[in-house]
């Protein structure tokens, strides 16, 4: 039985995926970087984003940050404007 985690999507990431949140399996490594790779495979347009920050439980995370099913993941796209 695989473990899943909730991912919140904002801005362009929400538009690309077509929803404001989704549940996805935690990769075997349990790391954010591998979760991002999985999402980019599922939604190739995510790979076109110049930058993409990830937060875990409200704090910015590194690609090697470990996640558990209890964590709340947020994809934060680049913001532009003036």
Foldseek 3Di string as FASTA:
>chain_A
DFAKAKEAEDDVRCVQVVHGMDIDTQDPLQFQLVVVVVVCVVRVVVVVAPDKWKDKQRHTDDRGDGDGRVIYMYIDGDDDDD
